[in-house]
Amino acid sequence: QPLAHLGWTQPATDRASAHYVSLNALGLDNG
């Protein structure tokens, strides 16, 4: 059962500079 299909654009930085993106803010739902 597909629950979500989403995407975003971001720069790829090194581990020390990386940030998380909230998938719920991009429309993730369905539990």
All heavy atoms as atom14 arrays in JSON, in Angstrom:
{
  "sequence": "QPLAHLGWTQPATDRASAHYVSLNALGLDNG",
  "atom14_mask": [
    [1, 1, 1, 1, 1, 1, 1, 1, 1, 0, 0, 0, 0, 0],
    [1, 1, 1, 1, 1, 1, 1, 0, 0, 0, 0, 0, 0, 0],
    [1, 1, 1, 1, 1, 1, 1, 1, 0, 0, 0, 0, 0, 0],
    [1, 1, 1, 1, 1, 0, 0, 0, 0, 0, 0, 0, 0, 0],
    [1, 1, 1, 1, 1, 1, 1, 1, 1, 1, 0, 0, 0, 0],
    [1, 1, 1, 1, 1, 1, 1, 1, 0, 0, 0, 0, 0, 0],
    [1, 1, 1, 1, 0, 0, 0, 0, 0, 0, 0, 0, 0, 0],
    [1, 1, 1, 1, 1, 1, 1, 1, 1, 1, 1, 1, 1, 1],
    [1, 1, 1, 1, 1, 1, 1, 0, 0, 0, 0, 0, 0, 0],
    [1, 1, 1, 1, 1, 1, 1, 1, 1, 0, 0, 0, 0, 0],
    [1, 1, 1, 1, 1, 1, 1, 0, 0, 0, 0, 0, 0, 0],
    [1, 1, 1, 1, 1, 0, 0, 0, 0, 0, 0, 0, 0, 0],
    [1, 1, 1, 1, 1, 1, 1, 0, 0, 0, 0, 0, 0, 0],
    [1, 1, 1, 1, 1, 1, 1, 1, 0, 0, 0, 0, 0, 0],
    [1, 1, 1, 1, 1, 1, 1, 1, 1, 1, 1, 0, 0, 0],
    [1, 1, 1, 1, 1, 0, 0, 0, 0, 0, 0, 0, 0, 0],
    [1, 1, 1, 1, 1, 1, 0, 0, 0, 0, 0, 0, 0, 0],
    [1, 1, 1, 1, 1, 0, 0, 0, 0, 0, 0, 0, 0, 0],
    [1, 1, 1, 1, 1, 1, 1, 1, 1, 1, 0, 0, 0, 0],
    [1, 1, 1, 1, 1, 1, 1, 1, 1, 1, 1, 1, 0, 0],
    [1, 1, 1, 1, 1, 1, 1, 0, 0, 0, 0, 0, 0, 0],
    [1, 1, 1, 1, 1, 1, 0, 0, 0, 0, 0, 0, 0, 0],
    [1, 1, 1, 1, 1, 1, 1, 1, 0, 0, 0, 0, 0, 0],
    [1, 1, 1, 1, 1, 1, 1, 1, 0, 0, 0, 0, 0, 0],
    [1, 1, 1, 1, 1, 0, 0, 0, 0, 0, 0, 0, 0, 0],
    [1, 1, 1, 1, 1, 1, 1, 1, 0, 0, 0, 0, 0, 0],
    [1, 1, 1, 1, 0, 0, 0, 0, 0, 0, 0, 0, 0, 0],
    [1, 1, 1, 1, 1, 1, 1, 1, 0, 0, 0, 0, 0, 0],
    [1, 1, 1, 1, 1, 1, 1, 1, 0, 0, 0, 0, 0, 0],
    [1, 1, 1, 1, 1, 1, 1, 1, 0, 0, 0, 0, 0, 0],
    [1, 1, 1, 1, 0, 0, 0, 0, 0, 0, 0, 0, 0, 0]
  ],
  "atom14_positions": [
    [[0.86, -1.19, 0.0], [0.0, 0.0, 0.0], [0.89, 1.24, 0.0], [1.61, 1.48, 0.97], [-0.88, 0.01, 1.25], [-1.71, 1.28, 1.38], [-2.34, 1.42, 2.76], [-2.08, 0.63, 3.66], [-3.14, 2.45, 2.92], [0.0, 0.0, 0.0], [0.0, 0.0, 0.0], [0.0, 0.0, 0.0], [0.0, 0.0, 0.0], [0.0, 0.0, 0.0]],
    [[0.89, 2.02, -1.08], [1.7, 3.24, -1.07], [1.17, 4.23, -0.04], [-0.03, 4.47, 0.04], [1.58, 3.77, -2.49], [0.35, 3.16, -3.05], [0.14, 1.86, -2.33], [0.0, 0.0, 0.0], [0.0, 0.0, 0.0], [0.0, 0.0, 0.0], [0.0, 0.0, 0.0], [0.0, 0.0, 0.0], [0.0, 0.0, 0.0], [0.0, 0.0, 0.0]],
    [[2.06, 4.78, 0.76], [1.68, 5.72, 1.81], [2.05, 7.16, 1.47], [1.4, 8.09, 1.94], [2.35, 5.33, 3.13], [2.0, 3.93, 3.67], [2.87, 3.6, 4.87], [0.53, 3.86, 4.02], [0.0, 0.0, 0.0], [0.0, 0.0, 0.0], [0.0, 0.0, 0.0], [0.0, 0.0, 0.0], [0.0, 0.0, 0.0], [0.0, 0.0, 0.0]],
    [[3.1, 7.36, 0.69], [3.53, 8.72, 0.37], [4.45, 8.71, -0.84], [5.19, 7.75, -1.08], [4.25, 9.34, 1.56], [0.0, 0.0, 0.0], [0.0, 0.0, 0.0], [0.0, 0.0, 0.0], [0.0, 0.0, 0.0], [0.0, 0.0, 0.0], [0.0, 0.0, 0.0], [0.0, 0.0, 0.0], [0.0, 0.0, 0.0], [0.0, 0.0, 0.0]],
    [[4.4, 9.79, -1.6], [5.31, 10.04, -2.7], [5.68, 11.52, -2.61], [4.85, 12.38, -2.86], [4.64, 9.72, -4.03], [5.56, 9.89, -5.21], [5.1, 9.89, -6.51], [6.91, 10.05, -5.29], [6.12, 10.03, -7.34], [7.24, 10.15, -6.62], [0.0, 0.0, 0.0], [0.0, 0.0, 0.0], [0.0, 0.0, 0.0], [0.0, 0.0, 0.0]],
    [[6.91, 11.78, -2.21], [7.3, 13.17, -1.98], [8.76, 13.38, -2.33], [9.52, 12.43, -2.5], [7.02, 13.57, -0.53], [7.52, 12.64, 0.59], [8.95, 12.94, 0.95], [6.64, 12.77, 1.8], [0.0, 0.0, 0.0], [0.0, 0.0, 0.0], [0.0, 0.0, 0.0], [0.0, 0.0, 0.0], [0.0, 0.0, 0.0], [0.0, 0.0, 0.0]],
    [[9.13, 14.64, -2.44], [10.51, 14.97, -2.75], [10.83, 16.41, -2.41], [9.93, 17.22, -2.17], [0.0, 0.0, 0.0], [0.0, 0.0, 0.0], [0.0, 0.0, 0.0], [0.0, 0.0, 0.0], [0.0, 0.0, 0.0], [0.0, 0.0, 0.0], [0.0, 0.0, 0.0], [0.0, 0.0, 0.0], [0.0, 0.0, 0.0], [0.0, 0.0, 0.0]],
    [[12.1, 16.71, -2.37], [12.57, 18.06, -2.05], [13.93, 18.27, -2.69], [14.59, 17.34, -3.15], [12.64, 18.26, -0.54], [13.69, 17.42, 0.16], [14.96, 17.79, 0.49], [13.55, 16.05, 0.58], [15.62, 16.74, 1.11], [14.78, 15.68, 1.18], [12.52, 15.11, 0.53], [14.98, 14.4, 1.71], [12.74, 13.85, 1.05], [13.96, 13.51, 1.64]],
    [[14.37, 19.53, -2.73], [15.67, 19.91, -3.28], [16.53, 20.47, -2.17], [16.06, 21.28, -1.37], [15.49, 20.97, -4.39], [14.67, 20.42, -5.42], [16.82, 21.38, -4.98], [0.0, 0.0, 0.0], [0.0, 0.0, 0.0], [0.0, 0.0, 0.0], [0.0, 0.0, 0.0], [0.0, 0.0, 0.0], [0.0, 0.0, 0.0], [0.0, 0.0, 0.0]],
    [[17.79, 20.03, -2.11], [18.68, 20.53, -1.06], [20.14, 20.41, -1.49], [20.48, 19.58, -2.32], [18.47, 19.77, 0.24], [19.02, 18.35, 0.24], [19.08, 17.78, 1.63], [18.15, 17.14, 2.08], [20.18, 18.0, 2.31], [0.0, 0.0, 0.0], [0.0, 0.0, 0.0], [0.0, 0.0, 0.0], [0.0, 0.0, 0.0], [0.0, 0.0, 0.0]],
    [[21.0, 21.24, -0.89], [22.44, 21.06, -1.12], [22.93, 19.88, -0.3], [22.39, 19.59, 0.78], [23.05, 22.37, -0.62], [22.07, 22.9, 0.36], [20.72, 22.43, -0.08], [0.0, 0.0, 0.0], [0.0, 0.0, 0.0], [0.0, 0.0, 0.0], [0.0, 0.0, 0.0], [0.0, 0.0, 0.0], [0.0, 0.0, 0.0], [0.0, 0.0, 0.0]],
    [[23.92, 19.16, -0.81], [24.53, 18.07, -0.05], [25.79, 18.61, 0.6], [26.75, 18.98, -0.06], [24.86, 16.91, -0.97], [0.0, 0.0, 0.0], [0.0, 0.0, 0.0], [0.0, 0.0, 0.0], [0.0, 0.0, 0.0], [0.0, 0.0, 0.0], [0.0, 0.0, 0.0], [0.0, 0.0, 0.0], [0.0, 0.0, 0.0], [0.0, 0.0, 0.0]],
    [[25.76, 18.7, 1.92], [26.9, 19.21, 2.67], [27.56, 18.06, 3.42], [27.07, 16.93, 3.39], [26.45, 20.28, 3.68], [25.47, 19.7, 4.56], [25.8, 21.47, 2.97], [0.0, 0.0, 0.0], [0.0, 0.0, 0.0], [0.0, 0.0, 0.0], [0.0, 0.0, 0.0], [0.0, 0.0, 0.0], [0.0, 0.0, 0.0], [0.0, 0.0, 0.0]],
    [[28.66, 18.34, 4.08], [29.3, 17.28, 4.85], [28.48, 16.98, 6.11], [27.53, 17.69, 6.44], [30.75, 17.63, 5.2], [30.87, 18.89, 6.05], [29.89, 19.25, 6.73], [31.95, 19.5, 6.05], [0.0, 0.0, 0.0], [0.0, 0.0, 0.0], [0.0, 0.0, 0.0], [0.0, 0.0, 0.0], [0.0, 0.0, 0.0], [0.0, 0.0, 0.0]],
    [[28.85, 15.9, 6.79], [28.08, 15.44, 7.94], [27.91, 16.51, 8.99], [26.84, 16.69, 9.57], [28.75, 14.21, 8.56], [27.95, 13.55, 9.64], [28.76, 12.51, 10.37], [29.8, 13.12, 11.18], [29.62, 13.6, 12.4], [28.43, 13.57, 12.94], [30.61, 14.14, 13.08], [0.0, 0.0, 0.0], [0.0, 0.0, 0.0], [0.0, 0.0, 0.0]],
    [[28.98, 17.28, 9.24], [28.93, 18.29, 10.31], [27.97, 19.42, 9.98], [27.44, 20.07, 10.88], [30.34, 18.85, 10.54], [0.0, 0.0, 0.0], [0.0, 0.0, 0.0], [0.0, 0.0, 0.0], [0.0, 0.0, 0.0], [0.0, 0.0, 0.0], [0.0, 0.0, 0.0], [0.0, 0.0, 0.0], [0.0, 0.0, 0.0], [0.0, 0.0, 0.0]],
    [[27.72, 19.68, 8.7], [26.83, 20.78, 8.3], [25.45, 20.31, 7.87], [24.61, 21.13, 7.5], [27.46, 21.55, 7.14], [28.77, 21.96, 7.46], [0.0, 0.0, 0.0], [0.0, 0.0, 0.0], [0.0, 0.0, 0.0], [0.0, 0.0, 0.0], [0.0, 0.0, 0.0], [0.0, 0.0, 0.0], [0.0, 0.0, 0.0], [0.0, 0.0, 0.0]],
    [[25.2, 19.01, 7.9], [23.94, 18.47, 7.38], [22.77, 18.83, 8.29], [22.92, 18.96, 9.5], [24.04, 16.96, 7.25], [0.0, 0.0, 0.0], [0.0, 0.0, 0.0], [0.0, 0.0, 0.0], [0.0, 0.0, 0.0], [0.0, 0.0, 0.0], [0.0, 0.0, 0.0], [0.0, 0.0, 0.0], [0.0, 0.0, 0.0], [0.0, 0.0, 0.0]],
    [[21.62, 19.03, 7.66], [20.37, 19.3, 8.37], [19.34, 18.26, 7.99], [19.35, 17.75, 6.87], [19.82, 20.69, 8.01], [20.66, 21.81, 8.49], [20.65, 22.25, 9.79], [21.56, 22.59, 7.84], [21.49, 23.26, 9.93], [22.07, 23.48, 8.74], [0.0, 0.0, 0.0], [0.0, 0.0, 0.0], [0.0, 0.0, 0.0], [0.0, 0.0, 0.0]],
    [[18.46, 17.96, 8.92], [17.33, 17.09, 8.62], [16.22, 17.93, 7.97], [16.11, 19.11, 8.2], [16.79, 16.44, 9.89], [17.64, 15.29, 10.36], [18.65, 15.48, 11.3], [17.42, 14.0, 9.88], [19.42, 14.42, 11.74], [18.18, 12.94, 10.31], [19.19, 13.14, 11.24], [19.95, 12.1, 11.66], [0.0, 0.0, 0.0], [0.0, 0.0, 0.0]],
    [[15.4, 17.25, 7.18], [14.2, 17.87, 6.64], [13.02, 17.1, 7.23], [13.03, 15.87, 7.28], [14.18, 17.85, 5.09], [14.3, 16.44, 4.55], [12.92, 18.52, 4.56], [0.0, 0.0, 0.0], [0.0, 0.0, 0.0], [0.0, 0.0, 0.0], [0.0, 0.0, 0.0], [0.0, 0.0, 0.0], [0.0, 0.0, 0.0], [0.0, 0.0, 0.0]],
    [[12.02, 17.82, 7.72], [10.81, 17.2, 8.25], [9.97, 16.72, 7.08], [9.51, 17.51, 6.26], [10.01, 18.19, 9.1], [8.72, 17.67, 9.35], [0.0, 0.0, 0.0], [0.0, 0.0, 0.0], [0.0, 0.0, 0.0], [0.0, 0.0, 0.0], [0.0, 0.0, 0.0], [0.0, 0.0, 0.0], [0.0, 0.0, 0.0], [0.0, 0.0, 0.0]],
    [[9.76, 15.4, 6.99], [8.96, 14.86, 5.9], [7.48, 15.17, 6.09], [6.74, 15.3, 5.12], [9.2, 13.36, 5.77], [10.65, 12.96, 5.48], [10.78, 11.46, 5.35], [11.18, 13.66, 4.24], [0.0, 0.0, 0.0], [0.0, 0.0, 0.0], [0.0, 0.0, 0.0], [0.0, 0.0, 0.0], [0.0, 0.0, 0.0], [0.0, 0.0, 0.0]],
    [[7.06, 15.33, 7.33], [5.66, 15.69, 7.58], [5.37, 17.1, 7.08], [4.26, 17.38, 6.6], [5.33, 15.55, 9.06], [5.43, 14.1, 9.51], [6.49, 13.66, 9.93], [4.35, 13.35, 9.37], [0.0, 0.0, 0.0], [0.0, 0.0, 0.0], [0.0, 0.0, 0.0], [0.0, 0.0, 0.0], [0.0, 0.0, 0.0], [0.0, 0.0, 0.0]],
    [[6.36, 17.99, 7.15], [6.18, 19.34, 6.61], [6.06, 19.33, 5.1], [5.52, 20.27, 4.5], [7.35, 20.23, 7.04], [0.0, 0.0, 0.0], [0.0, 0.0, 0.0], [0.0, 0.0, 0.0], [0.0, 0.0, 0.0], [0.0, 0.0, 0.0], [0.0, 0.0, 0.0], [0.0, 0.0, 0.0], [0.0, 0.0, 0.0], [0.0, 0.0, 0.0]],
    [[6.54, 18.25, 4.45], [6.44, 18.12, 2.99], [5.18, 17.37, 2.58], [4.98, 17.11, 1.41], [7.67, 17.39, 2.45], [9.01, 18.14, 2.57], [10.16, 17.23, 2.17], [9.0, 19.4, 1.71], [0.0, 0.0, 0.0], [0.0, 0.0, 0.0], [0.0, 0.0, 0.0], [0.0, 0.0, 0.0], [0.0, 0.0, 0.0], [0.0, 0.0, 0.0]],
    [[4.36, 16.96, 3.56], [3.09, 16.31, 3.23], [3.0, 14.86, 3.64], [2.02, 14.18, 3.3], [0.0, 0.0, 0.0], [0.0, 0.0, 0.0], [0.0, 0.0, 0.0], [0.0, 0.0, 0.0], [0.0, 0.0, 0.0], [0.0, 0.0, 0.0], [0.0, 0.0, 0.0], [0.0, 0.0, 0.0], [0.0, 0.0, 0.0], [0.0, 0.0, 0.0]],
    [[3.99, 14.33, 4.36], [3.95, 12.94, 4.81], [2.82, 12.76, 5.81], [2.66, 13.54, 6.73], [5.28, 12.56, 5.44], [5.46, 11.09, 5.85], [5.36, 10.18, 4.65], [6.78, 10.9, 6.56], [0.0, 0.0, 0.0], [0.0, 0.0, 0.0], [0.0, 0.0, 0.0], [0.0, 0.0, 0.0], [0.0, 0.0, 0.0], [0.0, 0.0, 0.0]],
    [[2.03, 11.68, 5.61], [0.88, 11.41, 6.49], [0.61, 9.92, 6.45], [1.54, 9.13, 6.3], [-0.33, 12.23, 6.01], [-1.37, 12.42, 7.11], [-1.21, 11.84, 8.19], [-2.34, 13.14, 6.88], [0.0, 0.0, 0.0], [0.0, 0.0, 0.0], [0.0, 0.0, 0.0], [0.0, 0.0, 0.0], [0.0, 0.0, 0.0], [0.0, 0.0, 0.0]],
    [[-0.64, 9.51, 6.57], [-1.04, 8.1, 6.51], [-0.37, 7.25, 7.58], [0.02, 6.11, 7.33], [-0.76, 7.49, 5.12], [-1.67, 8.05, 4.06], [-2.82, 8.38, 4.33], [-1.16, 8.19, 2.85], [0.0, 0.0, 0.0], [0.0, 0.0, 0.0], [0.0, 0.0, 0.0], [0.0, 0.0, 0.0], [0.0, 0.0, 0.0], [0.0, 0.0, 0.0]],
    [[-0.22, 7.82, 8.77], [0.35, 7.07, 9.88], [1.87, 7.04, 9.9], [2.47, 6.41, 10.77], [0.0, 0.0, 0.0], [0.0, 0.0, 0.0], [0.0, 0.0, 0.0], [0.0, 0.0, 0.0], [0.0, 0.0, 0.0], [0.0, 0.0, 0.0], [0.0, 0.0, 0.0], [0.0, 0.0, 0.0], [0.0, 0.0, 0.0], [0.0, 0.0, 0.0]]
  ]
}
